[in-house]
Amino acid sequence: MRRSITAAVTALAATAAFTLSAGPALAYPPTPPSASTAATQLASLTVKTEGSTSGYSRDLFPHWITQSGTCDTREQVLKRDGIGVTVNSSCQPTAGRWYSVYDATYVETSSGVDIDHIVPLAEAWKSGANAWTTARRQEFANNLTIAQLIAVSASSNRSKGDQDPSEWQPPNASVHCIYAREWIWVKYTYGLSLQSAEKTALQQMLATC
């Protein structure tokens, strides 16, 4: 009995630790692989000099496509990541609030929320997506099955821009572990390359896990 109680307490403590480190226990993108798996995936990625943005346009990554009924990708993420979200017949939020893990703040209106691509579209272009078909780029820009899309404050998303982890990391350091795991998962899933400085930054972020 004592062993069972100890195990239960340990599990509860682990849950509490995760909640404290990652912010409120709210909806979140699909959980990325563990830190150890992420390290293995990272080691398998091609490291090379980053390409240019020549020829790049966001229009080459068609988004936000219809996902279900009247809901497009942005609206689906707003519903998934928000608290108490209600929508109208067009699937536009009429109420709700969103916790932005990047800067550990709450956003009270959907107009103050951006849907961030964990690996930005321009970053993907410079890492190999320039050679993809439009259909492949559309899938990348709207993928809800991996941790590629997340609702965050507009200010934090615009601070990030198209920068990789060697240039920008969430101000909320407690999410550096999961952010690195998400970034690696996306690049691994799509076979995208990375720069040496980017790899080093991701290794340092994984070390916080």
N, C-alpha and C. Protein backbone atom coordinates (compact mmCIF):
# COMPACT_ATOMS: atom_id res chain seq x y z
N MET A 1 0.83 -1.20 0.00
CA MET A 1 0.00 0.00 0.00
C MET A 1 0.86 1.26 0.00
N ARG A 2 1.92 1.24 0.87
CA ARG A 2 2.80 2.40 0.94
C ARG A 2 3.44 2.67 -0.41
N ARG A 3 3.83 1.58 -1.12
CA ARG A 3 4.45 1.74 -2.43
C ARG A 3 3.49 2.40 -3.41
N SER A 4 2.21 2.01 -3.36
CA SER A 4 1.20 2.58 -4.26
C SER A 4 1.00 4.06 -3.98
N ILE A 5 0.96 4.40 -2.68
CA ILE A 5 0.77 5.80 -2.31
C ILE A 5 1.96 6.63 -2.78
N THR A 6 3.16 6.09 -2.59
CA THR A 6 4.37 6.79 -3.02
C THR A 6 4.35 7.03 -4.51
N ALA A 7 3.95 6.01 -5.26
CA ALA A 7 3.90 6.14 -6.72
C ALA A 7 2.90 7.20 -7.13
N ALA A 8 1.75 7.23 -6.43
CA ALA A 8 0.72 8.21 -6.77
C ALA A 8 1.20 9.63 -6.49
N VAL A 9 1.88 9.80 -5.34
CA VAL A 9 2.40 11.11 -4.99
C VAL A 9 3.45 11.56 -6.00
N THR A 10 4.31 10.62 -6.40
CA THR A 10 5.35 10.94 -7.38
C THR A 10 4.73 11.38 -8.70
N ALA A 11 3.70 10.66 -9.14
CA ALA A 11 3.02 11.00 -10.39
C ALA A 11 2.37 12.37 -10.31
N LEU A 12 1.75 12.65 -9.14
CA LEU A 12 1.10 13.94 -8.94
C LEU A 12 2.12 15.06 -8.97
N ALA A 13 3.26 14.83 -8.34
CA ALA A 13 4.32 15.84 -8.31
C ALA A 13 4.84 16.12 -9.72
N ALA A 14 4.98 15.06 -10.50
CA ALA A 14 5.46 15.23 -11.87
C ALA A 14 4.47 16.04 -12.69
N THR A 15 3.18 15.77 -12.49
CA THR A 15 2.15 16.52 -13.21
C THR A 15 2.18 17.98 -12.81
N ALA A 16 2.31 18.23 -11.51
CA ALA A 16 2.36 19.61 -11.03
C ALA A 16 3.57 20.33 -11.58
N ALA A 17 4.70 19.64 -11.64
CA ALA A 17 5.92 20.25 -12.16
C ALA A 17 5.75 20.64 -13.61
N PHE A 18 5.10 19.75 -14.40
CA PHE A 18 4.88 20.06 -15.81
C PHE A 18 3.97 21.27 -15.94
N THR A 19 2.90 21.30 -15.12
CA THR A 19 1.95 22.39 -15.20
C THR A 19 2.63 23.72 -14.88
N LEU A 20 3.49 23.70 -13.86
CA LEU A 20 4.17 24.93 -13.48
C LEU A 20 5.17 25.37 -14.53
N SER A 21 5.85 24.42 -15.15
CA SER A 21 6.89 24.78 -16.11
C SER A 21 6.32 25.20 -17.44
N ALA A 22 5.16 24.66 -17.82
CA ALA A 22 4.61 24.95 -19.13
C ALA A 22 3.45 25.93 -19.08
N GLY A 23 3.14 26.46 -17.90
CA GLY A 23 2.01 27.36 -17.78
C GLY A 23 0.76 26.59 -17.39
N PRO A 24 -0.39 27.24 -17.42
CA PRO A 24 -1.63 26.58 -17.05
C PRO A 24 -1.86 25.31 -17.86
N ALA A 25 -2.53 24.35 -17.26
CA ALA A 25 -2.78 23.07 -17.95
C ALA A 25 -3.92 23.25 -18.95
N LEU A 26 -3.60 23.85 -20.08
CA LEU A 26 -4.59 24.18 -21.09
C LEU A 26 -4.37 23.34 -22.33
N ALA A 27 -5.30 23.49 -23.29
CA ALA A 27 -5.13 22.80 -24.57
C ALA A 27 -3.83 23.27 -25.21
N TYR A 28 -3.21 22.40 -25.97
CA TYR A 28 -1.91 22.71 -26.54
C TYR A 28 -1.78 21.91 -27.83
N PRO A 29 -0.88 22.27 -28.71
CA PRO A 29 -0.67 21.45 -29.91
C PRO A 29 -0.32 20.01 -29.53
N PRO A 30 -0.39 19.10 -30.49
CA PRO A 30 -0.03 17.70 -30.21
C PRO A 30 1.31 17.62 -29.49
N THR A 31 1.40 16.76 -28.49
CA THR A 31 2.63 16.64 -27.70
C THR A 31 3.77 16.12 -28.55
N PRO A 32 4.90 16.83 -28.59
CA PRO A 32 6.03 16.39 -29.40
C PRO A 32 6.74 15.21 -28.76
N PRO A 33 7.62 14.55 -29.49
CA PRO A 33 8.40 13.44 -28.92
C PRO A 33 9.20 13.91 -27.71
N SER A 34 9.64 12.95 -26.91
CA SER A 34 10.42 13.25 -25.70
C SER A 34 11.73 13.94 -26.07
N ALA A 35 12.39 14.48 -25.06
CA ALA A 35 13.67 15.16 -25.28
C ALA A 35 14.72 14.21 -25.85
N SER A 36 14.73 12.97 -25.37
CA SER A 36 15.72 12.01 -25.88
C SER A 36 15.45 11.67 -27.34
N THR A 37 14.17 11.49 -27.69
CA THR A 37 13.82 11.22 -29.09
C THR A 37 14.13 12.44 -29.95
N ALA A 38 13.83 13.62 -29.42
CA ALA A 38 14.12 14.86 -30.15
C ALA A 38 15.61 14.98 -30.42
N ALA A 39 16.44 14.61 -29.44
CA ALA A 39 17.90 14.68 -29.62
C ALA A 39 18.34 13.73 -30.74
N THR A 40 17.73 12.55 -30.80
CA THR A 40 18.05 11.60 -31.86
C THR A 40 17.61 12.14 -33.21
N GLN A 41 16.42 12.72 -33.26
CA GLN A 41 15.92 13.31 -34.52
C GLN A 41 16.83 14.46 -34.95
N LEU A 42 17.23 15.29 -34.01
CA LEU A 42 18.09 16.42 -34.32
C LEU A 42 19.41 15.96 -34.92
N ALA A 43 19.96 14.90 -34.36
CA ALA A 43 21.25 14.39 -34.84
C ALA A 43 21.15 13.88 -36.28
N SER A 44 19.95 13.49 -36.69
CA SER A 44 19.78 12.94 -38.05
C SER A 44 19.56 14.00 -39.12
N LEU A 45 19.30 15.24 -38.70
CA LEU A 45 19.00 16.29 -39.67
C LEU A 45 20.26 16.79 -40.37
N THR A 46 20.11 17.18 -41.61
CA THR A 46 21.23 17.70 -42.39
C THR A 46 21.57 19.12 -41.95
N VAL A 47 22.84 19.34 -41.66
CA VAL A 47 23.31 20.67 -41.28
C VAL A 47 24.03 21.28 -42.48
N LYS A 48 23.56 22.44 -42.91
CA LYS A 48 24.21 23.12 -44.03
C LYS A 48 23.87 24.60 -44.00
N THR A 49 24.56 25.35 -44.82
CA THR A 49 24.31 26.78 -44.90
C THR A 49 22.89 27.03 -45.37
N GLU A 50 22.23 27.94 -44.71
CA GLU A 50 20.84 28.23 -45.03
C GLU A 50 20.70 28.85 -46.41
N GLY A 51 19.63 28.49 -47.10
CA GLY A 51 19.36 29.06 -48.41
C GLY A 51 18.86 30.50 -48.29
N SER A 52 18.50 31.09 -49.42
CA SER A 52 18.03 32.47 -49.43
C SER A 52 16.51 32.52 -49.52
N THR A 53 15.97 33.72 -49.38
CA THR A 53 14.53 33.89 -49.52
C THR A 53 14.16 34.27 -50.96
N SER A 54 15.09 34.14 -51.86
CA SER A 54 14.81 34.45 -53.26
C SER A 54 13.62 33.64 -53.77
N GLY A 55 12.63 34.33 -54.30
CA GLY A 55 11.45 33.66 -54.83
C GLY A 55 10.38 33.37 -53.78
N TYR A 56 10.69 33.65 -52.51
CA TYR A 56 9.73 33.33 -51.44
C TYR A 56 8.54 34.27 -51.43
N SER A 57 7.37 33.71 -51.14
CA SER A 57 6.14 34.46 -50.90
C SER A 57 5.24 33.61 -50.02
N ARG A 58 4.56 34.24 -49.06
CA ARG A 58 3.62 33.49 -48.22
C ARG A 58 2.52 32.85 -49.06
N ASP A 59 2.23 33.45 -50.21
CA ASP A 59 1.20 32.91 -51.09
C ASP A 59 1.57 31.54 -51.63
N LEU A 60 2.84 31.19 -51.57
CA LEU A 60 3.29 29.87 -52.04
C LEU A 60 3.01 28.78 -51.01
N PHE A 61 2.53 29.20 -49.82
CA PHE A 61 2.12 28.28 -48.75
C PHE A 61 0.64 28.56 -48.46
N PRO A 62 -0.28 28.10 -49.29
CA PRO A 62 -1.70 28.43 -49.11
C PRO A 62 -2.21 28.11 -47.70
N HIS A 63 -2.73 29.10 -47.02
CA HIS A 63 -3.27 28.96 -45.68
C HIS A 63 -4.35 30.01 -45.53
N TRP A 64 -5.20 30.03 -44.73
CA TRP A 64 -5.77 29.05 -43.86
C TRP A 64 -6.88 28.33 -44.63
N ILE A 65 -6.71 27.06 -44.84
CA ILE A 65 -7.67 26.28 -45.62
C ILE A 65 -8.81 25.80 -44.72
N THR A 66 -9.92 25.41 -45.34
CA THR A 66 -11.05 24.87 -44.58
C THR A 66 -10.67 23.53 -43.98
N GLN A 67 -10.94 23.38 -42.69
CA GLN A 67 -10.60 22.14 -41.99
C GLN A 67 -11.83 21.30 -41.69
N SER A 68 -12.91 21.96 -41.27
CA SER A 68 -14.13 21.23 -40.91
C SER A 68 -15.32 22.18 -40.94
N GLY A 69 -16.36 21.84 -41.70
CA GLY A 69 -17.53 22.71 -41.77
C GLY A 69 -17.15 24.08 -42.28
N THR A 70 -17.45 25.11 -41.45
CA THR A 70 -17.10 26.49 -41.84
C THR A 70 -15.77 26.94 -41.22
N CYS A 71 -15.11 26.04 -40.50
CA CYS A 71 -13.89 26.40 -39.77
C CYS A 71 -12.63 26.23 -40.62
N ASP A 72 -11.83 27.30 -40.70
CA ASP A 72 -10.55 27.18 -41.37
C ASP A 72 -9.47 26.84 -40.32
N THR A 73 -8.25 26.73 -40.76
CA THR A 73 -7.17 26.29 -39.86
C THR A 73 -6.99 27.24 -38.68
N ARG A 74 -6.98 28.54 -38.96
CA ARG A 74 -6.82 29.52 -37.87
C ARG A 74 -7.92 29.35 -36.83
N GLU A 75 -9.15 29.22 -37.29
CA GLU A 75 -10.27 29.11 -36.37
C GLU A 75 -10.23 27.81 -35.57
N GLN A 76 -9.76 26.74 -36.20
CA GLN A 76 -9.62 25.48 -35.47
C GLN A 76 -8.60 25.60 -34.35
N VAL A 77 -7.50 26.29 -34.60
CA VAL A 77 -6.48 26.46 -33.57
C VAL A 77 -6.98 27.38 -32.46
N LEU A 78 -7.73 28.41 -32.83
CA LEU A 78 -8.30 29.29 -31.81
C LEU A 78 -9.23 28.51 -30.89
N LYS A 79 -10.03 27.62 -31.45
CA LYS A 79 -10.93 26.81 -30.62
C LYS A 79 -10.14 25.83 -29.77
N ARG A 80 -9.12 25.22 -30.34
CA ARG A 80 -8.33 24.22 -29.62
C ARG A 80 -7.54 24.81 -28.47
N ASP A 81 -6.93 25.95 -28.70
CA ASP A 81 -5.99 26.51 -27.73
C ASP A 81 -6.63 27.49 -26.74
N GLY A 82 -7.89 27.83 -26.94
CA GLY A 82 -8.51 28.83 -26.08
C GLY A 82 -9.25 28.25 -24.89
N ILE A 83 -9.70 29.14 -24.04
CA ILE A 83 -10.47 28.78 -22.85
C ILE A 83 -11.87 29.38 -23.02
N GLY A 84 -12.90 28.56 -22.89
CA GLY A 84 -14.27 29.06 -22.99
C GLY A 84 -14.58 29.70 -24.33
N VAL A 85 -14.06 29.15 -25.40
CA VAL A 85 -14.27 29.74 -26.72
C VAL A 85 -15.65 29.39 -27.27
N THR A 86 -16.37 30.40 -27.71
CA THR A 86 -17.63 30.20 -28.43
C THR A 86 -17.47 30.84 -29.81
N VAL A 87 -18.14 30.26 -30.80
CA VAL A 87 -18.01 30.76 -32.16
C VAL A 87 -19.39 30.97 -32.77
N ASN A 88 -19.44 31.78 -33.83
CA ASN A 88 -20.70 31.99 -34.53
C ASN A 88 -20.83 30.99 -35.68
N SER A 89 -21.83 31.17 -36.52
CA SER A 89 -22.08 30.22 -37.61
C SER A 89 -20.96 30.19 -38.63
N SER A 90 -20.12 31.22 -38.64
CA SER A 90 -18.98 31.27 -39.55
C SER A 90 -17.70 30.76 -38.90
N CYS A 91 -17.85 30.27 -37.67
CA CYS A 91 -16.74 29.71 -36.88
C CYS A 91 -15.78 30.79 -36.36
N GLN A 92 -16.22 32.03 -36.37
CA GLN A 92 -15.40 33.11 -35.82
C GLN A 92 -15.68 33.23 -34.33
N PRO A 93 -14.63 33.29 -33.49
CA PRO A 93 -14.84 33.37 -32.05
C PRO A 93 -15.64 34.59 -31.63
N THR A 94 -16.60 34.37 -30.76
CA THR A 94 -17.40 35.47 -30.21
C THR A 94 -17.04 35.71 -28.74
N ALA A 95 -16.34 34.75 -28.13
CA ALA A 95 -15.90 34.89 -26.75
C ALA A 95 -14.77 33.90 -26.51
N GLY A 96 -13.99 34.16 -25.46
CA GLY A 96 -12.89 33.27 -25.11
C GLY A 96 -11.67 34.05 -24.67
N ARG A 97 -10.70 33.33 -24.16
CA ARG A 97 -9.40 33.92 -23.82
C ARG A 97 -8.34 32.91 -24.12
N TRP A 98 -7.12 33.39 -24.34
CA TRP A 98 -6.04 32.52 -24.79
C TRP A 98 -4.79 32.78 -23.96
N TYR A 99 -4.15 31.70 -23.52
CA TYR A 99 -2.90 31.81 -22.78
C TYR A 99 -1.75 31.66 -23.77
N SER A 100 -0.94 32.69 -23.88
CA SER A 100 0.20 32.69 -24.80
C SER A 100 1.43 32.17 -24.06
N VAL A 101 1.86 30.96 -24.40
CA VAL A 101 2.97 30.36 -23.67
C VAL A 101 4.30 31.06 -23.95
N TYR A 102 4.42 31.72 -25.09
CA TYR A 102 5.69 32.39 -25.41
C TYR A 102 6.05 33.46 -24.38
N ASP A 103 5.04 34.23 -23.98
CA ASP A 103 5.30 35.34 -23.06
C ASP A 103 4.50 35.24 -21.77
N ALA A 104 3.88 34.06 -21.53
CA ALA A 104 3.15 33.79 -20.28
C ALA A 104 2.12 34.87 -19.97
N THR A 105 1.33 35.22 -20.97
CA THR A 105 0.30 36.22 -20.77
C THR A 105 -1.04 35.72 -21.33
N TYR A 106 -2.13 36.28 -20.83
CA TYR A 106 -3.45 35.97 -21.35
C TYR A 106 -3.86 37.03 -22.37
N VAL A 107 -4.49 36.58 -23.43
CA VAL A 107 -5.05 37.49 -24.44
C VAL A 107 -6.56 37.33 -24.36
N GLU A 108 -7.26 38.44 -24.24
CA GLU A 108 -8.69 38.39 -23.96
C GLU A 108 -9.58 38.43 -25.20
N THR A 109 -9.02 38.77 -26.35
CA THR A 109 -9.82 38.81 -27.58
C THR A 109 -9.06 38.10 -28.70
N SER A 110 -9.80 37.46 -29.61
CA SER A 110 -9.16 36.72 -30.69
C SER A 110 -8.37 37.63 -31.62
N SER A 111 -8.74 38.91 -31.67
CA SER A 111 -8.01 39.84 -32.55
C SER A 111 -6.60 40.08 -32.06
N GLY A 112 -6.34 39.78 -30.78
CA GLY A 112 -4.99 39.94 -30.23
C GLY A 112 -4.17 38.68 -30.30
N VAL A 113 -4.72 37.65 -30.96
CA VAL A 113 -4.05 36.35 -31.07
C VAL A 113 -3.54 36.13 -32.49
N ASP A 114 -2.33 35.66 -32.60
CA ASP A 114 -1.78 35.20 -33.88
C ASP A 114 -1.63 33.69 -33.82
N ILE A 115 -1.77 33.04 -34.96
CA ILE A 115 -1.47 31.61 -35.04
C ILE A 115 -0.06 31.49 -35.60
N ASP A 116 0.84 31.08 -34.74
CA ASP A 116 2.25 30.99 -35.14
C ASP A 116 2.57 29.65 -35.76
N HIS A 117 3.34 29.69 -36.84
CA HIS A 117 3.95 28.47 -37.38
C HIS A 117 5.24 28.28 -36.58
N ILE A 118 5.32 27.19 -35.82
CA ILE A 118 6.51 26.95 -35.01
C ILE A 118 7.77 27.11 -35.87
N VAL A 119 7.82 26.41 -36.98
CA VAL A 119 8.87 26.65 -37.99
C VAL A 119 8.25 27.59 -39.01
N PRO A 120 8.69 28.85 -39.04
CA PRO A 120 8.08 29.84 -39.93
C PRO A 120 8.16 29.43 -41.40
N LEU A 121 7.23 29.96 -42.18
CA LEU A 121 7.17 29.61 -43.60
C LEU A 121 8.45 30.01 -44.34
N ALA A 122 8.95 31.20 -44.06
CA ALA A 122 10.18 31.64 -44.72
C ALA A 122 11.37 30.78 -44.31
N GLU A 123 11.40 30.38 -43.04
CA GLU A 123 12.46 29.49 -42.55
C GLU A 123 12.39 28.15 -43.27
N ALA A 124 11.18 27.63 -43.44
CA ALA A 124 11.02 26.36 -44.16
C ALA A 124 11.50 26.51 -45.60
N TRP A 125 11.17 27.63 -46.23
CA TRP A 125 11.59 27.89 -47.61
C TRP A 125 13.11 27.81 -47.73
N LYS A 126 13.80 28.45 -46.79
CA LYS A 126 15.27 28.49 -46.82
C LYS A 126 15.89 27.15 -46.44
N SER A 127 15.07 26.25 -45.88
CA SER A 127 15.58 24.96 -45.40
C SER A 127 15.19 23.79 -46.29
N GLY A 128 14.58 24.09 -47.44
CA GLY A 128 14.24 23.01 -48.37
C GLY A 128 12.87 23.08 -48.99
N ALA A 129 11.95 23.85 -48.40
CA ALA A 129 10.58 23.90 -48.91
C ALA A 129 10.49 24.61 -50.26
N ASN A 130 11.54 25.32 -50.64
CA ASN A 130 11.54 25.98 -51.96
C ASN A 130 11.43 24.96 -53.09
N ALA A 131 11.80 23.72 -52.81
CA ALA A 131 11.76 22.67 -53.84
C ALA A 131 10.48 21.86 -53.79
N TRP A 132 9.58 22.17 -52.86
CA TRP A 132 8.36 21.39 -52.71
C TRP A 132 7.30 21.79 -53.73
N THR A 133 6.30 20.94 -53.86
CA THR A 133 5.12 21.28 -54.64
C THR A 133 4.24 22.21 -53.79
N THR A 134 3.33 22.90 -54.45
CA THR A 134 2.41 23.78 -53.72
C THR A 134 1.56 22.97 -52.75
N ALA A 135 1.17 21.77 -53.15
CA ALA A 135 0.35 20.92 -52.27
C ALA A 135 1.11 20.57 -50.99
N ARG A 136 2.40 20.30 -51.11
CA ARG A 136 3.21 19.98 -49.93
C ARG A 136 3.33 21.21 -49.03
N ARG A 137 3.51 22.37 -49.61
CA ARG A 137 3.62 23.60 -48.82
C ARG A 137 2.29 23.92 -48.14
N GLN A 138 1.19 23.64 -48.81
CA GLN A 138 -0.12 23.86 -48.19
C GLN A 138 -0.30 22.96 -46.99
N GLU A 139 0.09 21.71 -47.11
CA GLU A 139 0.00 20.77 -45.98
C GLU A 139 0.83 21.28 -44.81
N PHE A 140 2.04 21.74 -45.09
CA PHE A 140 2.94 22.25 -44.06
C PHE A 140 2.33 23.44 -43.32
N ALA A 141 1.71 24.34 -44.07
CA ALA A 141 1.18 25.58 -43.50
C ALA A 141 -0.10 25.37 -42.69
N ASN A 142 -0.73 24.19 -42.84
CA ASN A 142 -2.01 23.94 -42.18
C ASN A 142 -2.03 22.67 -41.34
N ASN A 143 -0.86 22.11 -41.06
CA ASN A 143 -0.78 20.81 -40.40
C ASN A 143 -1.16 20.88 -38.93
N LEU A 144 -2.25 20.18 -38.59
CA LEU A 144 -2.71 20.14 -37.20
C LEU A 144 -2.34 18.83 -36.50
N THR A 145 -1.69 17.92 -37.21
CA THR A 145 -1.37 16.61 -36.63
C THR A 145 -0.02 16.60 -35.91
N ILE A 146 0.81 17.61 -36.17
CA ILE A 146 2.06 17.76 -35.44
C ILE A 146 2.04 19.14 -34.78
N ALA A 147 3.04 19.42 -33.97
CA ALA A 147 3.07 20.69 -33.23
C ALA A 147 3.67 21.80 -34.09
N GLN A 148 2.95 22.19 -35.13
CA GLN A 148 3.43 23.22 -36.04
C GLN A 148 2.65 24.53 -35.88
N LEU A 149 1.47 24.47 -35.27
CA LEU A 149 0.63 25.65 -35.15
C LEU A 149 0.22 25.87 -33.69
N ILE A 150 0.29 27.12 -33.24
CA ILE A 150 -0.06 27.43 -31.85
C ILE A 150 -0.58 28.86 -31.75
N ALA A 151 -1.60 29.05 -30.92
CA ALA A 151 -2.14 30.39 -30.69
C ALA A 151 -1.30 31.11 -29.64
N VAL A 152 -0.77 32.27 -30.01
CA VAL A 152 0.06 33.06 -29.10
C VAL A 152 -0.30 34.53 -29.26
N SER A 153 0.22 35.35 -28.37
CA SER A 153 -0.06 36.78 -28.48
C SER A 153 0.54 37.32 -29.78
N ALA A 154 -0.17 38.26 -30.37
CA ALA A 154 0.31 38.85 -31.63
C ALA A 154 1.68 39.49 -31.43
N SER A 155 1.89 40.12 -30.28
CA SER A 155 3.17 40.79 -30.04
C SER A 155 4.33 39.81 -30.00
N SER A 156 4.14 38.65 -29.36
CA SER A 156 5.24 37.67 -29.30
C SER A 156 5.49 37.05 -30.66
N ASN A 157 4.44 36.80 -31.42
CA ASN A 157 4.61 36.21 -32.74
C ASN A 157 5.35 37.16 -33.67
N ARG A 158 5.04 38.43 -33.58
CA ARG A 158 5.68 39.39 -34.46
C ARG A 158 7.10 39.70 -34.03
N SER A 159 7.37 39.51 -32.73
CA SER A 159 8.75 39.61 -32.26
C SER A 159 9.60 38.48 -32.82
N LYS A 160 9.00 37.29 -32.89
CA LYS A 160 9.69 36.13 -33.45
C LYS A 160 9.94 36.29 -34.93
N GLY A 161 8.92 36.71 -35.68
CA GLY A 161 9.06 36.85 -37.12
C GLY A 161 9.43 35.53 -37.76
N ASP A 162 10.45 35.55 -38.60
CA ASP A 162 10.90 34.35 -39.31
C ASP A 162 12.21 33.80 -38.73
N GLN A 163 12.52 34.15 -37.49
CA GLN A 163 13.80 33.79 -36.89
C GLN A 163 13.82 32.36 -36.36
N ASP A 164 14.99 31.73 -36.46
CA ASP A 164 15.15 30.39 -35.91
C ASP A 164 15.64 30.50 -34.47
N PRO A 165 15.76 29.37 -33.74
CA PRO A 165 16.11 29.44 -32.32
C PRO A 165 17.49 30.02 -32.00
N SER A 166 18.37 30.14 -33.00
CA SER A 166 19.65 30.79 -32.73
C SER A 166 19.49 32.31 -32.69
N GLU A 167 18.33 32.79 -33.18
CA GLU A 167 18.08 34.23 -33.24
C GLU A 167 16.96 34.68 -32.31
N TRP A 168 16.03 33.77 -32.02
CA TRP A 168 14.90 34.11 -31.16
C TRP A 168 14.43 32.87 -30.42
N GLN A 169 14.14 33.06 -29.12
CA GLN A 169 13.56 32.01 -28.30
C GLN A 169 12.46 32.65 -27.45
N PRO A 170 11.43 31.88 -27.07
CA PRO A 170 10.35 32.47 -26.28
C PRO A 170 10.87 33.17 -25.03
N PRO A 171 10.40 34.39 -24.75
CA PRO A 171 10.81 35.09 -23.52
C PRO A 171 10.53 34.26 -22.28
N ASN A 172 9.49 33.44 -22.32
CA ASN A 172 9.15 32.55 -21.21
C ASN A 172 10.07 31.34 -21.27
N ALA A 173 11.18 31.39 -20.54
CA ALA A 173 12.21 30.35 -20.62
C ALA A 173 11.71 28.98 -20.21
N SER A 174 10.62 28.91 -19.44
CA SER A 174 10.12 27.61 -18.98
C SER A 174 9.60 26.74 -20.12
N VAL A 175 9.36 27.32 -21.29
CA VAL A 175 8.87 26.51 -22.42
C VAL A 175 9.95 26.24 -23.46
N HIS A 176 11.19 26.57 -23.15
CA HIS A 176 12.27 26.34 -24.12
C HIS A 176 12.41 24.85 -24.47
N CYS A 177 12.22 23.99 -23.49
CA CYS A 177 12.33 22.55 -23.74
C CYS A 177 11.31 22.09 -24.78
N ILE A 178 10.04 22.40 -24.52
CA ILE A 178 9.00 21.91 -25.43
C ILE A 178 9.05 22.63 -26.77
N TYR A 179 9.48 23.90 -26.78
CA TYR A 179 9.60 24.63 -28.04
C TYR A 179 10.66 23.97 -28.93
N ALA A 180 11.78 23.60 -28.33
CA ALA A 180 12.84 22.92 -29.09
C ALA A 180 12.34 21.58 -29.63
N ARG A 181 11.63 20.84 -28.80
CA ARG A 181 11.09 19.53 -29.23
C ARG A 181 10.11 19.70 -30.38
N GLU A 182 9.29 20.74 -30.30
CA GLU A 182 8.33 21.02 -31.38
C GLU A 182 9.06 21.39 -32.67
N TRP A 183 10.02 22.29 -32.56
CA TRP A 183 10.77 22.75 -33.73
C TRP A 183 11.45 21.57 -34.43
N ILE A 184 12.11 20.74 -33.64
CA ILE A 184 12.81 19.57 -34.19
C ILE A 184 11.82 18.61 -34.84
N TRP A 185 10.68 18.38 -34.19
CA TRP A 185 9.66 17.46 -34.71
C TRP A 185 9.20 17.90 -36.10
N VAL A 186 8.98 19.20 -36.25
CA VAL A 186 8.52 19.72 -37.54
C VAL A 186 9.60 19.54 -38.60
N LYS A 187 10.82 19.93 -38.28
CA LYS A 187 11.90 19.81 -39.27
C LYS A 187 12.18 18.35 -39.63
N TYR A 188 12.10 17.49 -38.64
CA TYR A 188 12.33 16.06 -38.87
C TYR A 188 11.22 15.47 -39.74
N THR A 189 9.98 15.83 -39.43
CA THR A 189 8.83 15.31 -40.19
C THR A 189 8.93 15.67 -41.66
N TYR A 190 9.40 16.87 -41.93
CA TYR A 190 9.44 17.35 -43.31
C TYR A 190 10.83 17.29 -43.95
N GLY A 191 11.79 16.73 -43.25
CA GLY A 191 13.13 16.57 -43.83
C GLY A 191 13.82 17.88 -44.14
N LEU A 192 13.58 18.89 -43.32
CA LEU A 192 14.20 20.20 -43.54
C LEU A 192 15.58 20.25 -42.91
N SER A 193 16.46 21.01 -43.52
CA SER A 193 17.83 21.15 -43.01
C SER A 193 17.88 22.22 -41.92
N LEU A 194 19.03 22.37 -41.31
CA LEU A 194 19.23 23.43 -40.32
C LEU A 194 20.65 23.91 -40.35
N GLN A 195 20.85 25.12 -39.82
CA GLN A 195 22.19 25.69 -39.75
C GLN A 195 22.91 25.19 -38.51
N SER A 196 24.22 25.34 -38.50
CA SER A 196 25.02 24.92 -37.35
C SER A 196 24.61 25.67 -36.09
N ALA A 197 24.44 27.00 -36.19
CA ALA A 197 24.08 27.80 -35.01
C ALA A 197 22.69 27.42 -34.51
N GLU A 198 21.80 27.09 -35.42
CA GLU A 198 20.44 26.66 -35.07
C GLU A 198 20.49 25.34 -34.30
N LYS A 199 21.32 24.42 -34.76
CA LYS A 199 21.45 23.12 -34.09
C LYS A 199 22.00 23.30 -32.68
N THR A 200 23.01 24.15 -32.54
CA THR A 200 23.59 24.39 -31.23
C THR A 200 22.56 24.97 -30.27
N ALA A 201 21.77 25.93 -30.75
CA ALA A 201 20.74 26.54 -29.92
C ALA A 201 19.70 25.50 -29.48
N LEU A 202 19.32 24.63 -30.39
CA LEU A 202 18.34 23.59 -30.05
C LEU A 202 18.90 22.60 -29.04
N GLN A 203 20.18 22.27 -29.15
CA GLN A 203 20.82 21.38 -28.17
C GLN A 203 20.82 22.02 -26.79
N GLN A 204 21.09 23.33 -26.75
CA GLN A 204 21.10 24.03 -25.47
C GLN A 204 19.70 24.08 -24.87
N MET A 205 18.70 24.24 -25.70
CA MET A 205 17.32 24.27 -25.22
C MET A 205 16.87 22.90 -24.72
N LEU A 206 17.29 21.85 -25.42
CA LEU A 206 16.97 20.49 -24.97
C LEU A 206 17.61 20.20 -23.62
N ALA A 207 18.74 20.83 -23.37
CA ALA A 207 19.44 20.60 -22.10
C ALA A 207 18.64 21.12 -20.91
N THR A 208 17.62 21.95 -21.17
CA THR A 208 16.79 22.48 -20.09
C THR A 208 15.65 21.53 -19.74
N CYS A 209 15.49 20.46 -20.50
CA CYS A 209 14.36 19.56 -20.29
C CYS A 209 14.51 18.78 -18.98
